[in-house]
Amino acid sequence: MKILFIIPARGGSKRIPKKNIKDFLGREIISYPIEAALSSSYCTKLIVSTDSTEIANVAKKYGAEVPFLRSEKNADDYATTYDVVEEVCHSLDNITEYDYICCIYPTSVFVTNELLDQAISIVENRNLDGAVSVLEYSHPIQRALRIDESGYVKSITPEFYNCRSQDLEPTYHDAGQFYIFRLNLAMKQKKLIAGNIVPIVIKPTHAQDVDTVDDWNMAEIKYKQYFYE
């Protein structure tokens, strides 16, 4: 199969300045997903989409292609990942040659080429529409609580509140690491998770949102614990 890998890396991070090229255990954080993508046996081409020349230079240093700088429209706070992917695809004359797109977020330090190859091989062997990384909720969402307008704690679904955890259906959320999808189906539905998508369940030790400084520190702790040889 021919697969186009895309890493969307906007330059305007606010909570962690220059997050996508910040030093993560000795090298720029974006270098980790770039290395994983380029090491995948399925990678035909890797493009980094960015509005920052600084990020572009770092991406090129590690072997990614940056054929253009992202448009102003797709560099603001309201642009979706789908918008960015669509812009990259429209920039390529030969986009129809690719069977699938693999989109990886720039801070996905836990994504490896082995994980990508495993996910893509499942999609290929089962002729699926794609795959997405997911995490199981650590606590049953059926027993979720909310704070009402008076400031009191209320159960969202009271009928489940006294159920044992093991009796409730496991639920999952997007791990925010990677998406594999058929381009034509994604463009038809204007979203990356479309059609028959298989979940790739990620261990909690192998995932971490990186939105705050505390998140960043936790990601480094996990990486040092589980990925350093």
C-alpha atoms as a PDB file:
ATOM      1  CA  MET A   1       0.000   0.000   0.000  1.00  0.00           C
ATOM      2  CA  LYS A   2       0.989   3.609  -0.521  1.00  0.00           C
ATOM      3  CA  ILE A   3       0.449   5.680   2.587  1.00  0.00           C
ATOM      4  CA  LEU A   4       0.940   9.410   3.035  1.00  0.00           C
ATOM      5  CA  PHE A   5       2.032  10.334   6.550  1.00  0.00           C
ATOM      6  CA  ILE A   6       1.138  13.815   7.803  1.00  0.00           C
ATOM      7  CA  ILE A   7       2.229  15.511  11.019  1.00  0.00           C
ATOM      8  CA  PRO A   8       0.300  18.737  11.785  1.00  0.00           C
ATOM      9  CA  ALA A   9       2.524  21.077  13.815  1.00  0.00           C
ATOM     10  CA  ARG A  10       1.235  24.583  14.378  1.00  0.00           C
ATOM     11  CA  GLY A  11       3.634  27.155  15.778  1.00  0.00           C
ATOM     12  CA  GLY A  12       1.237  29.092  17.995  1.00  0.00           C
ATOM     13  CA  SER A  13       1.160  26.996  21.162  1.00  0.00           C
ATOM     14  CA  LYS A  14       0.316  29.196  24.147  1.00  0.00           C
ATOM     15  CA  ARG A  15       0.460  27.111  27.324  1.00  0.00           C
ATOM     16  CA  ILE A  16       3.828  25.611  26.367  1.00  0.00           C
ATOM     17  CA  PRO A  17       5.648  28.074  24.073  1.00  0.00           C
ATOM     18  CA  LYS A  18       7.204  26.432  20.997  1.00  0.00           C
ATOM     19  CA  LYS A  19       5.828  23.127  22.264  1.00  0.00           C
ATOM     20  CA  ASN A  20       6.311  21.188  19.043  1.00  0.00           C
ATOM     21  CA  ILE A  21      10.058  21.817  18.958  1.00  0.00           C
ATOM     22  CA  LYS A  22      10.713  22.044  22.692  1.00  0.00           C
ATOM     23  CA  ASP A  23      13.504  19.808  23.993  1.00  0.00           C
ATOM     24  CA  PHE A  24      12.146  16.455  25.172  1.00  0.00           C
ATOM     25  CA  LEU A  25      14.866  14.374  26.829  1.00  0.00           C
ATOM     26  CA  GLY A  26      17.623  15.653  24.590  1.00  0.00           C
ATOM     27  CA  ARG A  27      15.982  16.460  21.266  1.00  0.00           C
ATOM     28  CA  GLU A  28      13.037  18.309  19.782  1.00  0.00           C
ATOM     29  CA  ILE A  29       9.778  16.548  20.609  1.00  0.00           C
ATOM     30  CA  ILE A  30       8.595  16.495  16.992  1.00  0.00           C
ATOM     31  CA  SER A  31      11.612  14.369  16.097  1.00  0.00           C
ATOM     32  CA  TYR A  32      10.044  11.359  17.839  1.00  0.00           C
ATOM     33  CA  PRO A  33       6.963  10.969  15.595  1.00  0.00           C
ATOM     34  CA  ILE A  34       9.053  11.916  12.546  1.00  0.00           C
ATOM     35  CA  GLU A  35      11.465   9.102  13.336  1.00  0.00           C
ATOM     36  CA  ALA A  36       8.599   6.651  13.931  1.00  0.00           C
ATOM     37  CA  ALA A  37       6.908   7.559  10.651  1.00  0.00           C
ATOM     38  CA  LEU A  38      10.058   7.380   8.540  1.00  0.00           C
ATOM     39  CA  SER A  39      10.960   4.029  10.116  1.00  0.00           C
ATOM     40  CA  SER A  40       7.560   2.521   9.283  1.00  0.00           C
ATOM     41  CA  SER A  41       7.695  -0.036   6.506  1.00  0.00           C
ATOM     42  CA  TYR A  42       4.489   1.509   5.117  1.00  0.00           C
ATOM     43  CA  CYS A  43       5.676   5.122   4.846  1.00  0.00           C
ATOM     44  CA  THR A  44       5.646   6.356   1.242  1.00  0.00           C
ATOM     45  CA  LYS A  45       5.998  10.064   2.038  1.00  0.00           C
ATOM     46  CA  LEU A  46       6.019  12.164   5.220  1.00  0.00           C
ATOM     47  CA  ILE A  47       4.851  15.776   5.180  1.00  0.00           C
ATOM     48  CA  VAL A  48       4.875  18.134   8.148  1.00  0.00           C
ATOM     49  CA  SER A  49       2.225  20.832   7.947  1.00  0.00           C
ATOM     50  CA  THR A  50       3.245  23.972   9.812  1.00  0.00           C
ATOM     51  CA  ASP A  51       2.951  27.736   9.704  1.00  0.00           C
ATOM     52  CA  SER A  52       6.353  28.163  11.376  1.00  0.00           C
ATOM     53  CA  THR A  53       9.650  28.358   9.517  1.00  0.00           C
ATOM     54  CA  GLU A  54      11.396  27.320  12.728  1.00  0.00           C
ATOM     55  CA  ILE A  55       9.345  24.112  12.964  1.00  0.00           C
ATOM     56  CA  ALA A  56       9.812  23.564   9.235  1.00  0.00           C
ATOM     57  CA  ASN A  57      13.585  23.710   9.588  1.00  0.00           C
ATOM     58  CA  VAL A  58      13.572  21.248  12.485  1.00  0.00           C
ATOM     59  CA  ALA A  59      11.273  18.878  10.587  1.00  0.00           C
ATOM     60  CA  LYS A  60      13.531  18.960   7.527  1.00  0.00           C
ATOM     61  CA  LYS A  61      16.552  18.310   9.727  1.00  0.00           C
ATOM     62  CA  TYR A  62      15.019  14.995  10.760  1.00  0.00           C
ATOM     63  CA  GLY A  63      14.046  13.987   7.237  1.00  0.00           C
ATOM     64  CA  ALA A  64      10.444  15.158   6.827  1.00  0.00           C
ATOM     65  CA  GLU A  65       9.212  17.121   3.824  1.00  0.00           C
ATOM     66  CA  VAL A  66       7.713  20.601   4.268  1.00  0.00           C
ATOM     67  CA  PRO A  67       6.630  21.600   0.757  1.00  0.00           C
ATOM     68  CA  PHE A  68       4.731  24.713   1.869  1.00  0.00           C
ATOM     69  CA  LEU A  69       3.839  26.768   4.929  1.00  0.00           C
ATOM     70  CA  ARG A  70       0.294  26.334   6.191  1.00  0.00           C
ATOM     71  CA  SER A  71      -2.257  28.950   5.177  1.00  0.00           C
ATOM     72  CA  GLU A  72      -3.266  31.637   7.670  1.00  0.00           C
ATOM     73  CA  LYS A  73      -6.793  30.208   7.738  1.00  0.00           C
ATOM     74  CA  ASN A  74      -5.556  26.799   8.862  1.00  0.00           C
ATOM     75  CA  ALA A  75      -3.094  28.237  11.380  1.00  0.00           C
ATOM     76  CA  ASP A  76      -5.622  29.852  13.719  1.00  0.00           C
ATOM     77  CA  ASP A  77      -7.229  28.423  16.859  1.00  0.00           C
ATOM     78  CA  TYR A  78     -10.325  27.239  15.007  1.00  0.00           C
ATOM     79  CA  ALA A  79      -8.784  25.071  12.283  1.00  0.00           C
ATOM     80  CA  THR A  80      -9.430  21.368  12.755  1.00  0.00           C
ATOM     81  CA  THR A  81      -7.002  18.544  12.099  1.00  0.00           C
ATOM     82  CA  TYR A  82      -9.195  17.568   9.168  1.00  0.00           C
ATOM     83  CA  ASP A  83      -8.820  21.085   7.697  1.00  0.00           C
ATOM     84  CA  VAL A  84      -5.045  20.777   7.893  1.00  0.00           C
ATOM     85  CA  VAL A  85      -4.997  17.300   6.351  1.00  0.00           C
ATOM     86  CA  GLU A  86      -7.282  18.441   3.550  1.00  0.00           C
ATOM     87  CA  GLU A  87      -4.966  21.369   2.767  1.00  0.00           C
ATOM     88  CA  VAL A  88      -1.982  19.031   2.477  1.00  0.00           C
ATOM     89  CA  CYS A  89      -3.885  16.644   0.236  1.00  0.00           C
ATOM     90  CA  HIS A  90      -5.081  19.427  -2.057  1.00  0.00           C
ATOM     91  CA  SER A  91      -1.479  20.574  -2.457  1.00  0.00           C
ATOM     92  CA  LEU A  92      -0.422  17.266  -4.008  1.00  0.00           C
ATOM     93  CA  ASP A  93      -1.047  16.501  -7.672  1.00  0.00           C
ATOM     94  CA  ASN A  94      -0.725  12.757  -7.089  1.00  0.00           C
ATOM     95  CA  ILE A  95      -2.875  12.450  -3.968  1.00  0.00           C
ATOM     96  CA  THR A  96      -5.098   9.796  -5.587  1.00  0.00           C
ATOM     97  CA  GLU A  97      -2.104   7.453  -5.680  1.00  0.00           C
ATOM     98  CA  TYR A  98      -2.253   7.017  -1.897  1.00  0.00           C
ATOM     99  CA  ASP A  99      -4.410   4.305  -0.386  1.00  0.00           C
ATOM    100  CA  TYR A 100      -4.504   5.753   3.117  1.00  0.00           C
ATOM    101  CA  ILE A 101      -3.426   8.753   5.160  1.00  0.00           C
ATOM    102  CA  CYS A 102      -1.699   8.353   8.525  1.00  0.00           C
ATOM    103  CA  CYS A 103      -1.902  11.490  10.651  1.00  0.00           C
ATOM    104  CA  ILE A 104       0.332  11.631  13.742  1.00  0.00           C
ATOM    105  CA  TYR A 105       0.329  14.438  16.276  1.00  0.00           C
ATOM    106  CA  PRO A 106       3.701  16.180  16.784  1.00  0.00           C
ATOM    107  CA  THR A 107       3.983  15.451  20.523  1.00  0.00           C
ATOM    108  CA  SER A 108       3.248  11.720  20.153  1.00  0.00           C
ATOM    109  CA  VAL A 109       6.534  10.560  21.648  1.00  0.00           C
ATOM    110  CA  PHE A 110       5.127   7.136  22.501  1.00  0.00           C
ATOM    111  CA  VAL A 111       4.257   6.253  18.901  1.00  0.00           C
ATOM    112  CA  THR A 112       6.757   3.805  17.424  1.00  0.00           C
ATOM    113  CA  ASN A 113       7.227   2.395  13.949  1.00  0.00           C
ATOM    114  CA  GLU A 114       6.279  -1.022  15.342  1.00  0.00           C
ATOM    115  CA  LEU A 115       2.970   0.351  16.628  1.00  0.00           C
ATOM    116  CA  LEU A 116       2.233   2.056  13.320  1.00  0.00           C
ATOM    117  CA  ASP A 117       3.088  -1.049  11.320  1.00  0.00           C
ATOM    118  CA  GLN A 118       0.879  -3.168  13.568  1.00  0.00           C
ATOM    119  CA  ALA A 119      -2.073  -0.796  13.144  1.00  0.00           C
ATOM    120  CA  ILE A 120      -1.651  -0.450   9.386  1.00  0.00           C
ATOM    121  CA  SER A 121      -1.278  -4.197   8.859  1.00  0.00           C
ATOM    122  CA  ILE A 122      -4.588  -4.763  10.673  1.00  0.00           C
ATOM    123  CA  VAL A 123      -6.267  -2.222   8.398  1.00  0.00           C
ATOM    124  CA  GLU A 124      -4.688  -3.781   5.317  1.00  0.00           C
ATOM    125  CA  ASN A 125      -5.422  -7.411   6.183  1.00  0.00           C
ATOM    126  CA  ARG A 126      -9.049  -6.719   7.109  1.00  0.00           C
ATOM    127  CA  ASN A 127      -9.623  -4.135   4.361  1.00  0.00           C
ATOM    128  CA  LEU A 128     -10.872  -1.620   6.915  1.00  0.00           C
ATOM    129  CA  ASP A 129     -11.467   2.101   6.522  1.00  0.00           C
ATOM    130  CA  GLY A 130      -8.852   2.934   9.128  1.00  0.00           C
ATOM    131  CA  ALA A 131      -7.612   2.769  12.706  1.00  0.00           C
ATOM    132  CA  VAL A 132      -7.367   5.147  15.640  1.00  0.00           C
ATOM    133  CA  SER A 133      -5.407   5.059  18.881  1.00  0.00           C
ATOM    134  CA  VAL A 134      -7.662   4.885  21.945  1.00  0.00           C
ATOM    135  CA  LEU A 135      -7.349   4.721  25.714  1.00  0.00           C
ATOM    136  CA  GLU A 136      -9.753   2.992  28.070  1.00  0.00           C
ATOM    137  CA  TYR A 137     -11.282   5.329  30.641  1.00  0.00           C
ATOM    138  CA  SER A 138      -9.655   4.536  33.981  1.00  0.00           C
ATOM    139  CA  HIS A 139     -12.998   4.934  35.774  1.00  0.00           C
ATOM    140  CA  PRO A 140     -16.424   3.967  34.398  1.00  0.00           C
ATOM    141  CA  ILE A 141     -17.967   6.989  32.698  1.00  0.00           C
ATOM    142  CA  GLN A 142     -21.386   5.592  33.634  1.00  0.00           C
ATOM    143  CA  ARG A 143     -20.539   6.691  37.183  1.00  0.00           C
ATOM    144  CA  ALA A 144     -19.406  10.174  36.163  1.00  0.00           C
ATOM    145  CA  LEU A 145     -20.297  13.146  38.357  1.00  0.00           C
ATOM    146  CA  ARG A 146     -21.165  16.717  37.503  1.00  0.00           C
ATOM    147  CA  ILE A 147     -21.407  19.907  39.524  1.00  0.00           C
ATOM    148  CA  ASP A 148     -24.804  21.530  39.172  1.00  0.00           C
ATOM    149  CA  GLU A 149     -25.671  25.237  39.075  1.00  0.00           C
ATOM    150  CA  SER A 150     -25.856  25.315  42.887  1.00  0.00           C
ATOM    151  CA  GLY A 151     -22.379  23.862  43.241  1.00  0.00           C
ATOM    152  CA  TYR A 152     -23.519  20.425  44.408  1.00  0.00           C
ATOM    153  CA  VAL A 153     -22.259  17.078  43.168  1.00  0.00           C
ATOM    154  CA  LYS A 154     -24.742  15.100  41.069  1.00  0.00           C
ATOM    155  CA  SER A 155     -24.527  11.776  39.278  1.00  0.00           C
ATOM    156  CA  ILE A 156     -24.855  12.074  35.505  1.00  0.00           C
ATOM    157  CA  THR A 157     -26.468   8.627  35.243  1.00  0.00           C
ATOM    158  CA  PRO A 158     -27.833   7.807  38.715  1.00  0.00           C
ATOM    159  CA  GLU A 159     -29.093   4.383  37.625  1.00  0.00           C
ATOM    160  CA  PHE A 160     -25.490   3.197  37.296  1.00  0.00           C
ATOM    161  CA  TYR A 161     -23.965   4.851  40.347  1.00  0.00           C
ATOM    162  CA  ASN A 162     -24.170   1.814  42.640  1.00  0.00           C
ATOM    163  CA  CYS A 163     -23.091  -0.678  39.981  1.00  0.00           C
ATOM    164  CA  ARG A 164     -19.800  -2.478  40.392  1.00  0.00           C
ATOM    165  CA  SER A 165     -17.075  -1.303  38.003  1.00  0.00           C
ATOM    166  CA  GLN A 166     -16.626  -4.821  36.592  1.00  0.00           C
ATOM    167  CA  ASP A 167     -20.324  -4.972  35.669  1.00  0.00           C
ATOM    168  CA  LEU A 168     -20.175  -1.868  33.469  1.00  0.00           C
ATOM    169  CA  GLU A 169     -19.211  -1.817  29.813  1.00  0.00           C
ATOM    170  CA  PRO A 170     -15.647  -0.535  29.218  1.00  0.00           C
ATOM    171  CA  THR A 171     -15.525   2.788  27.388  1.00  0.00           C
ATOM    172  CA  TYR A 172     -12.721   4.478  25.483  1.00  0.00           C
ATOM    173  CA  HIS A 173     -11.579   7.889  24.319  1.00  0.00           C
ATOM    174  CA  ASP A 174      -9.340   9.141  21.543  1.00  0.00           C
ATOM    175  CA  ALA A 175      -5.712   8.822  22.677  1.00  0.00           C
ATOM    176  CA  GLY A 176      -4.687  11.720  20.430  1.00  0.00           C
ATOM    177  CA  GLN A 177      -1.730   9.896  18.921  1.00  0.00           C
ATOM    178  CA  PHE A 178      -2.536   8.811  15.369  1.00  0.00           C
ATOM    179  CA  TYR A 179      -5.304   8.299  12.819  1.00  0.00           C
ATOM    180  CA  ILE A 180      -5.205   6.030   9.771  1.00  0.00           C
ATOM    181  CA  PHE A 181      -7.999   6.534   7.247  1.00  0.00           C
ATOM    182  CA  ARG A 182      -9.113   6.309   3.646  1.00  0.00           C
ATOM    183  CA  LEU A 183      -8.853   9.785   2.179  1.00  0.00           C
ATOM    184  CA  ASN A 184     -11.966   9.640  -0.001  1.00  0.00           C
ATOM    185  CA  LEU A 185     -14.189   8.578   2.894  1.00  0.00           C
ATOM    186  CA  ALA A 186     -12.720  11.202   5.230  1.00  0.00           C
ATOM    187  CA  MET A 187     -13.300  13.929   2.637  1.00  0.00           C
ATOM    188  CA  LYS A 188     -16.874  12.795   2.104  1.00  0.00           C
ATOM    189  CA  GLN A 189     -17.687  12.937   5.819  1.00  0.00           C
ATOM    190  CA  LYS A 190     -15.298  15.820   6.672  1.00  0.00           C
ATOM    191  CA  LYS A 191     -13.760  13.942   9.611  1.00  0.00           C
ATOM    192  CA  LEU A 192     -10.860  11.584  10.235  1.00  0.00           C
ATOM    193  CA  ILE A 193     -12.794   8.864  12.067  1.00  0.00           C
ATOM    194  CA  ALA A 194     -15.220   7.672   9.392  1.00  0.00           C
ATOM    195  CA  GLY A 195     -16.480   4.268   8.327  1.00  0.00           C
ATOM    196  CA  ASN A 196     -15.250   0.979   9.773  1.00  0.00           C
ATOM    197  CA  ILE A 197     -12.447   2.090  12.072  1.00  0.00           C
ATOM    198  CA  VAL A 198     -10.589  -0.385  14.281  1.00  0.00           C
ATOM    199  CA  PRO A 199      -9.415   0.747  17.739  1.00  0.00           C
ATOM    200  CA  ILE A 200      -5.761   0.391  18.639  1.00  0.00           C
ATOM    201  CA  VAL A 201      -5.875   0.291  22.431  1.00  0.00           C
ATOM    202  CA  ILE A 202      -2.890   2.037  24.002  1.00  0.00           C
ATOM    203  CA  LYS A 203      -1.557   1.246  27.462  1.00  0.00           C
ATOM    204  CA  PRO A 204      -1.936   4.154  29.927  1.00  0.00           C
ATOM    205  CA  THR A 205       1.827   4.005  30.460  1.00  0.00           C
ATOM    206  CA  HIS A 206       2.343   4.595  26.740  1.00  0.00           C
ATOM    207  CA  ALA A 207       0.212   7.713  26.350  1.00  0.00           C
ATOM    208  CA  GLN A 208       0.089  11.218  27.747  1.00  0.00           C
ATOM    209  CA  ASP A 209      -1.632  14.429  26.701  1.00  0.00           C
ATOM    210  CA  VAL A 210       0.937  17.215  26.492  1.00  0.00           C
ATOM    211  CA  ASP A 211      -1.069  20.398  27.050  1.00  0.00           C
ATOM    212  CA  THR A 212       0.485  21.772  30.249  1.00  0.00           C
ATOM    213  CA  VAL A 213       3.886  21.798  31.919  1.00  0.00           C
ATOM    214  CA  ASP A 214       2.661  19.114  34.327  1.00  0.00           C
ATOM    215  CA  ASP A 215       1.633  16.968  31.350  1.00  0.00           C
ATOM    216  CA  TRP A 216       5.063  17.455  29.829  1.00  0.00           C
ATOM    217  CA  ASN A 217       6.828  16.407  33.022  1.00  0.00           C
ATOM    218  CA  MET A 218       4.634  13.315  33.301  1.00  0.00           C
ATOM    219  CA  ALA A 219       5.366  12.381  29.688  1.00  0.00           C
ATOM    220  CA  GLU A 220       9.098  12.550  30.385  1.00  0.00           C
ATOM    221  CA  ILE A 221       8.693  10.378  33.495  1.00  0.00           C
ATOM    222  CA  LYS A 222       6.745   7.755  31.547  1.00  0.00           C
ATOM    223  CA  TYR A 223       9.150   7.818  28.622  1.00  0.00           C
ATOM    224  CA  LYS A 224      12.188   7.378  30.832  1.00  0.00           C
ATOM    225  CA  GLN A 225      10.488   4.535  32.700  1.00  0.00           C
ATOM    226  CA  TYR A 226       9.130   2.548  29.743  1.00  0.00           C
ATOM    227  CA  PHE A 227      11.112   3.519  26.642  1.00  0.00           C
ATOM    228  CA  TYR A 228      14.684   4.107  27.728  1.00  0.00           C
ATOM    229  CA  GLU A 229      16.811   1.012  27.310  1.00  0.00           C
END
